[in-house]
């Protein structure tokens, strides 16, 4: 005897349909990264096997010749922690995390950060500049802007 079932059947997605995890962004404002923020970003990226994007945001002064002198601008004193940011990216790569280091020079670095988050569809943004080397208002402003204009999770360096 044959049984007839009424209703809809739900099909499972194909086992080969694997969705890549959304990236983790570790952002700093042209200063070295707080060790706690670095740890948080590394652990999060490792846990879900996500790409890590280390974004070094730098304010581009609104001078007319700034665009033409971009190479010279990279050697100004405020960029003294570039080596530390590169070292963070190297440590992430040594742990086996697929890492991308971005140096973003913009007249509106927070707008550039929001654009990066949206373009890359980040799952987590770790705002991790070393709070001893950057103004707290900058971190609070960045956190407020990211909260309002994006749909991702956010972690802020302690004491920020």
C-alpha atoms as a PDB file:
ATOM      1  CA  UNK A   1       0.000   0.000   0.000  1.00  0.00           C
ATOM      2  CA  UNK A   2       1.331   3.425  -0.938  1.00  0.00           C
ATOM      3  CA  UNK A   3       1.360   6.310   1.517  1.00  0.00           C
ATOM      4  CA  UNK A   4       0.706   9.835   0.369  1.00  0.00           C
ATOM      5  CA  UNK A   5       2.077  12.773   2.311  1.00  0.00           C
ATOM      6  CA  UNK A   6       0.721  16.235   1.928  1.00  0.00           C
ATOM      7  CA  UNK A   7       2.808  19.299   2.636  1.00  0.00           C
ATOM      8  CA  UNK A   8       6.019  20.778   1.492  1.00  0.00           C
ATOM      9  CA  UNK A   9       9.414  19.232   1.705  1.00  0.00           C
ATOM     10  CA  UNK A  10      12.381  21.275   2.788  1.00  0.00           C
ATOM     11  CA  UNK A  11      15.500  20.492   0.877  1.00  0.00           C
ATOM     12  CA  UNK A  12      18.895  20.745   2.518  1.00  0.00           C
ATOM     13  CA  UNK A  13      21.424  22.910   0.700  1.00  0.00           C
ATOM     14  CA  UNK A  14      23.993  21.028  -1.296  1.00  0.00           C
ATOM     15  CA  UNK A  15      26.923  19.936   0.864  1.00  0.00           C
ATOM     16  CA  UNK A  16      29.344  21.577  -1.573  1.00  0.00           C
ATOM     17  CA  UNK A  17      27.687  24.988  -1.101  1.00  0.00           C
ATOM     18  CA  UNK A  18      30.171  26.336   1.448  1.00  0.00           C
ATOM     19  CA  UNK A  19      29.950  30.019   2.238  1.00  0.00           C
ATOM     20  CA  UNK A  20      33.247  31.724   2.988  1.00  0.00           C
ATOM     21  CA  UNK A  21      33.294  33.534   6.340  1.00  0.00           C
ATOM     22  CA  UNK A  22      33.145  37.300   6.283  1.00  0.00           C
ATOM     23  CA  UNK A  23      36.457  39.014   7.147  1.00  0.00           C
ATOM     24  CA  UNK A  24      37.588  40.527  10.430  1.00  0.00           C
ATOM     25  CA  UNK A  25      38.907  44.100  10.251  1.00  0.00           C
ATOM     26  CA  UNK A  26      41.514  45.312  12.742  1.00  0.00           C
ATOM     27  CA  UNK A  27      41.654  49.116  12.472  1.00  0.00           C
ATOM     28  CA  UNK A  28      44.130  51.599  13.872  1.00  0.00           C
ATOM     29  CA  UNK A  29      44.708  55.310  13.357  1.00  0.00           C
ATOM     30  CA  UNK A  30      48.351  55.459  12.312  1.00  0.00           C
ATOM     31  CA  UNK A  31      49.558  54.219  15.705  1.00  0.00           C
ATOM     32  CA  UNK A  32      50.579  50.804  16.955  1.00  0.00           C
ATOM     33  CA  UNK A  33      47.826  48.320  17.776  1.00  0.00           C
ATOM     34  CA  UNK A  34      46.822  47.569  21.356  1.00  0.00           C
ATOM     35  CA  UNK A  35      47.935  43.998  22.248  1.00  0.00           C
ATOM     36  CA  UNK A  36      44.449  43.118  23.560  1.00  0.00           C
ATOM     37  CA  UNK A  37      42.857  44.230  20.298  1.00  0.00           C
ATOM     38  CA  UNK A  38      45.417  42.246  18.342  1.00  0.00           C
ATOM     39  CA  UNK A  39      44.639  39.132  20.380  1.00  0.00           C
ATOM     40  CA  UNK A  40      40.894  39.598  19.909  1.00  0.00           C
ATOM     41  CA  UNK A  41      41.201  40.000  16.139  1.00  0.00           C
ATOM     42  CA  UNK A  42      43.563  37.024  15.794  1.00  0.00           C
ATOM     43  CA  UNK A  43      41.396  34.741  17.936  1.00  0.00           C
ATOM     44  CA  UNK A  44      38.233  35.734  16.077  1.00  0.00           C
ATOM     45  CA  UNK A  45      39.785  35.208  12.652  1.00  0.00           C
ATOM     46  CA  UNK A  46      41.258  31.847  13.663  1.00  0.00           C
ATOM     47  CA  UNK A  47      38.014  30.629  15.219  1.00  0.00           C
ATOM     48  CA  UNK A  48      35.988  31.028  12.029  1.00  0.00           C
ATOM     49  CA  UNK A  49      38.866  30.709   9.530  1.00  0.00           C
ATOM     50  CA  UNK A  50      38.250  34.244   8.275  1.00  0.00           C
ATOM     51  CA  UNK A  51      40.537  36.638   6.460  1.00  0.00           C
ATOM     52  CA  UNK A  52      42.061  39.395   8.612  1.00  0.00           C
ATOM     53  CA  UNK A  53      42.275  42.897   7.211  1.00  0.00           C
ATOM     54  CA  UNK A  54      44.647  45.175   9.121  1.00  0.00           C
ATOM     55  CA  UNK A  55      43.615  48.731   8.219  1.00  0.00           C
ATOM     56  CA  UNK A  56      45.976  51.582   9.089  1.00  0.00           C
ATOM     57  CA  UNK A  57      43.892  54.759   8.699  1.00  0.00           C
ATOM     58  CA  UNK A  58      45.755  57.996   8.234  1.00  0.00           C
ATOM     59  CA  UNK A  59      44.473  61.550   7.998  1.00  0.00           C
ATOM     60  CA  UNK A  60      45.486  63.153   4.717  1.00  0.00           C
ATOM     61  CA  UNK A  61      45.931  66.912   5.249  1.00  0.00           C
ATOM     62  CA  UNK A  62      43.816  69.069   2.936  1.00  0.00           C
ATOM     63  CA  UNK A  63      46.749  70.738   1.207  1.00  0.00           C
ATOM     64  CA  UNK A  64      46.602  71.147  -2.579  1.00  0.00           C
ATOM     65  CA  UNK A  65      49.955  69.470  -3.154  1.00  0.00           C
ATOM     66  CA  UNK A  66      49.290  66.531  -0.817  1.00  0.00           C
ATOM     67  CA  UNK A  67      48.049  64.246  -3.563  1.00  0.00           C
ATOM     68  CA  UNK A  68      51.170  64.881  -5.642  1.00  0.00           C
ATOM     69  CA  UNK A  69      53.477  64.453  -2.658  1.00  0.00           C
ATOM     70  CA  UNK A  70      51.957  61.208  -1.356  1.00  0.00           C
ATOM     71  CA  UNK A  71      55.324  59.436  -1.324  1.00  0.00           C
ATOM     72  CA  UNK A  72      56.953  62.113   0.780  1.00  0.00           C
ATOM     73  CA  UNK A  73      53.902  62.169   3.039  1.00  0.00           C
ATOM     74  CA  UNK A  74      54.518  58.534   3.966  1.00  0.00           C
ATOM     75  CA  UNK A  75      57.741  59.520   5.717  1.00  0.00           C
ATOM     76  CA  UNK A  76      56.296  62.204   7.996  1.00  0.00           C
ATOM     77  CA  UNK A  77      56.748  61.706  11.770  1.00  0.00           C
ATOM     78  CA  UNK A  78      53.108  60.791  12.478  1.00  0.00           C
ATOM     79  CA  UNK A  79      53.662  57.551  10.541  1.00  0.00           C
ATOM     80  CA  UNK A  80      56.313  56.384  13.018  1.00  0.00           C
ATOM     81  CA  UNK A  81      54.357  53.283  14.032  1.00  0.00           C
ATOM     82  CA  UNK A  82      54.031  51.859  10.524  1.00  0.00           C
ATOM     83  CA  UNK A  83      56.648  49.245  11.400  1.00  0.00           C
ATOM     84  CA  UNK A  84      54.583  48.148  14.424  1.00  0.00           C
ATOM     85  CA  UNK A  85      51.435  47.831  12.288  1.00  0.00           C
ATOM     86  CA  UNK A  86      53.376  45.778   9.740  1.00  0.00           C
ATOM     87  CA  UNK A  87      54.673  43.581  12.565  1.00  0.00           C
ATOM     88  CA  UNK A  88      51.080  42.911  13.656  1.00  0.00           C
ATOM     89  CA  UNK A  89      50.206  41.796  10.126  1.00  0.00           C
ATOM     90  CA  UNK A  90      53.306  39.588  10.031  1.00  0.00           C
ATOM     91  CA  UNK A  91      52.371  37.930  13.344  1.00  0.00           C
ATOM     92  CA  UNK A  92      48.893  37.186  12.001  1.00  0.00           C
ATOM     93  CA  UNK A  93      50.322  35.652   8.849  1.00  0.00           C
ATOM     94  CA  UNK A  94      52.735  33.562  10.941  1.00  0.00           C
ATOM     95  CA  UNK A  95      49.722  32.105  12.770  1.00  0.00           C
ATOM     96  CA  UNK A  96      48.297  30.963   9.445  1.00  0.00           C
ATOM     97  CA  UNK A  97      45.680  33.707   9.128  1.00  0.00           C
ATOM     98  CA  UNK A  98      45.173  34.998   5.603  1.00  0.00           C
ATOM     99  CA  UNK A  99      46.113  38.636   6.166  1.00  0.00           C
ATOM    100  CA  UNK A 100      45.778  41.798   4.143  1.00  0.00           C
ATOM    101  CA  UNK A 101      47.483  45.030   5.239  1.00  0.00           C
ATOM    102  CA  UNK A 102      45.824  48.209   3.992  1.00  0.00           C
ATOM    103  CA  UNK A 103      47.226  51.694   4.418  1.00  0.00           C
ATOM    104  CA  UNK A 104      44.347  54.104   3.899  1.00  0.00           C
ATOM    105  CA  UNK A 105      45.193  57.782   3.487  1.00  0.00           C
ATOM    106  CA  UNK A 106      42.105  59.946   3.326  1.00  0.00           C
ATOM    107  CA  UNK A 107      40.843  63.389   4.203  1.00  0.00           C
ATOM    108  CA  UNK A 108      37.969  61.506   5.887  1.00  0.00           C
ATOM    109  CA  UNK A 109      39.478  58.385   7.458  1.00  0.00           C
ATOM    110  CA  UNK A 110      36.302  57.404   9.345  1.00  0.00           C
ATOM    111  CA  UNK A 111      34.235  57.583   6.162  1.00  0.00           C
ATOM    112  CA  UNK A 112      36.904  55.443   4.496  1.00  0.00           C
ATOM    113  CA  UNK A 113      36.644  52.900   7.338  1.00  0.00           C
ATOM    114  CA  UNK A 114      32.861  52.704   6.986  1.00  0.00           C
ATOM    115  CA  UNK A 115      33.262  52.260   3.233  1.00  0.00           C
ATOM    116  CA  UNK A 116      35.824  49.476   3.753  1.00  0.00           C
ATOM    117  CA  UNK A 117      33.503  47.690   6.196  1.00  0.00           C
ATOM    118  CA  UNK A 118      30.624  47.889   3.740  1.00  0.00           C
ATOM    119  CA  UNK A 119      32.651  46.863   0.681  1.00  0.00           C
ATOM    120  CA  UNK A 120      34.244  43.859   2.355  1.00  0.00           C
ATOM    121  CA  UNK A 121      31.075  42.930   4.315  1.00  0.00           C
ATOM    122  CA  UNK A 122      33.059  42.520   7.541  1.00  0.00           C
ATOM    123  CA  UNK A 123      31.651  40.341  10.301  1.00  0.00           C
ATOM    124  CA  UNK A 124      33.681  41.999  13.059  1.00  0.00           C
ATOM    125  CA  UNK A 125      35.524  45.293  13.352  1.00  0.00           C
ATOM    126  CA  UNK A 126      38.145  45.558  16.072  1.00  0.00           C
ATOM    127  CA  UNK A 127      38.959  49.191  16.788  1.00  0.00           C
ATOM    128  CA  UNK A 128      42.358  48.721  18.323  1.00  0.00           C
ATOM    129  CA  UNK A 129      44.671  51.718  18.319  1.00  0.00           C
ATOM    130  CA  UNK A 130      46.933  51.889  21.341  1.00  0.00           C
ATOM    131  CA  UNK A 131      44.964  54.291  23.573  1.00  0.00           C
ATOM    132  CA  UNK A 132      48.173  55.692  25.078  1.00  0.00           C
ATOM    133  CA  UNK A 133      49.229  56.936  21.645  1.00  0.00           C
ATOM    134  CA  UNK A 134      45.954  58.177  20.164  1.00  0.00           C
ATOM    135  CA  UNK A 135      43.270  60.533  21.438  1.00  0.00           C
ATOM    136  CA  UNK A 136      40.286  58.870  23.124  1.00  0.00           C
ATOM    137  CA  UNK A 137      37.835  61.157  21.326  1.00  0.00           C
ATOM    138  CA  UNK A 138      38.994  59.700  18.009  1.00  0.00           C
ATOM    139  CA  UNK A 139      38.227  56.161  19.157  1.00  0.00           C
ATOM    140  CA  UNK A 140      34.817  57.160  20.557  1.00  0.00           C
ATOM    141  CA  UNK A 141      33.929  59.001  17.361  1.00  0.00           C
ATOM    142  CA  UNK A 142      34.976  56.011  15.247  1.00  0.00           C
ATOM    143  CA  UNK A 143      32.932  53.642  17.408  1.00  0.00           C
ATOM    144  CA  UNK A 144      29.857  55.841  17.137  1.00  0.00           C
ATOM    145  CA  UNK A 145      30.207  56.133  13.347  1.00  0.00           C
ATOM    146  CA  UNK A 146      30.709  52.391  12.859  1.00  0.00           C
ATOM    147  CA  UNK A 147      27.710  51.596  15.082  1.00  0.00           C
ATOM    148  CA  UNK A 148      25.434  53.969  13.186  1.00  0.00           C
ATOM    149  CA  UNK A 149      26.488  53.225   9.626  1.00  0.00           C
ATOM    150  CA  UNK A 150      27.308  49.505   9.516  1.00  0.00           C
ATOM    151  CA  UNK A 151      25.706  46.221  10.458  1.00  0.00           C
ATOM    152  CA  UNK A 152      28.697  44.348  11.835  1.00  0.00           C
ATOM    153  CA  UNK A 153      29.860  43.444  15.312  1.00  0.00           C
ATOM    154  CA  UNK A 154      32.399  45.757  16.908  1.00  0.00           C
ATOM    155  CA  UNK A 155      35.019  45.392  19.638  1.00  0.00           C
ATOM    156  CA  UNK A 156      36.708  48.468  21.080  1.00  0.00           C
ATOM    157  CA  UNK A 157      40.079  48.506  22.801  1.00  0.00           C
ATOM    158  CA  UNK A 158      39.673  48.727  26.579  1.00  0.00           C
ATOM    159  CA  UNK A 159      40.039  52.182  28.130  1.00  0.00           C
ATOM    160  CA  UNK A 160      38.862  53.701  24.851  1.00  0.00           C
END
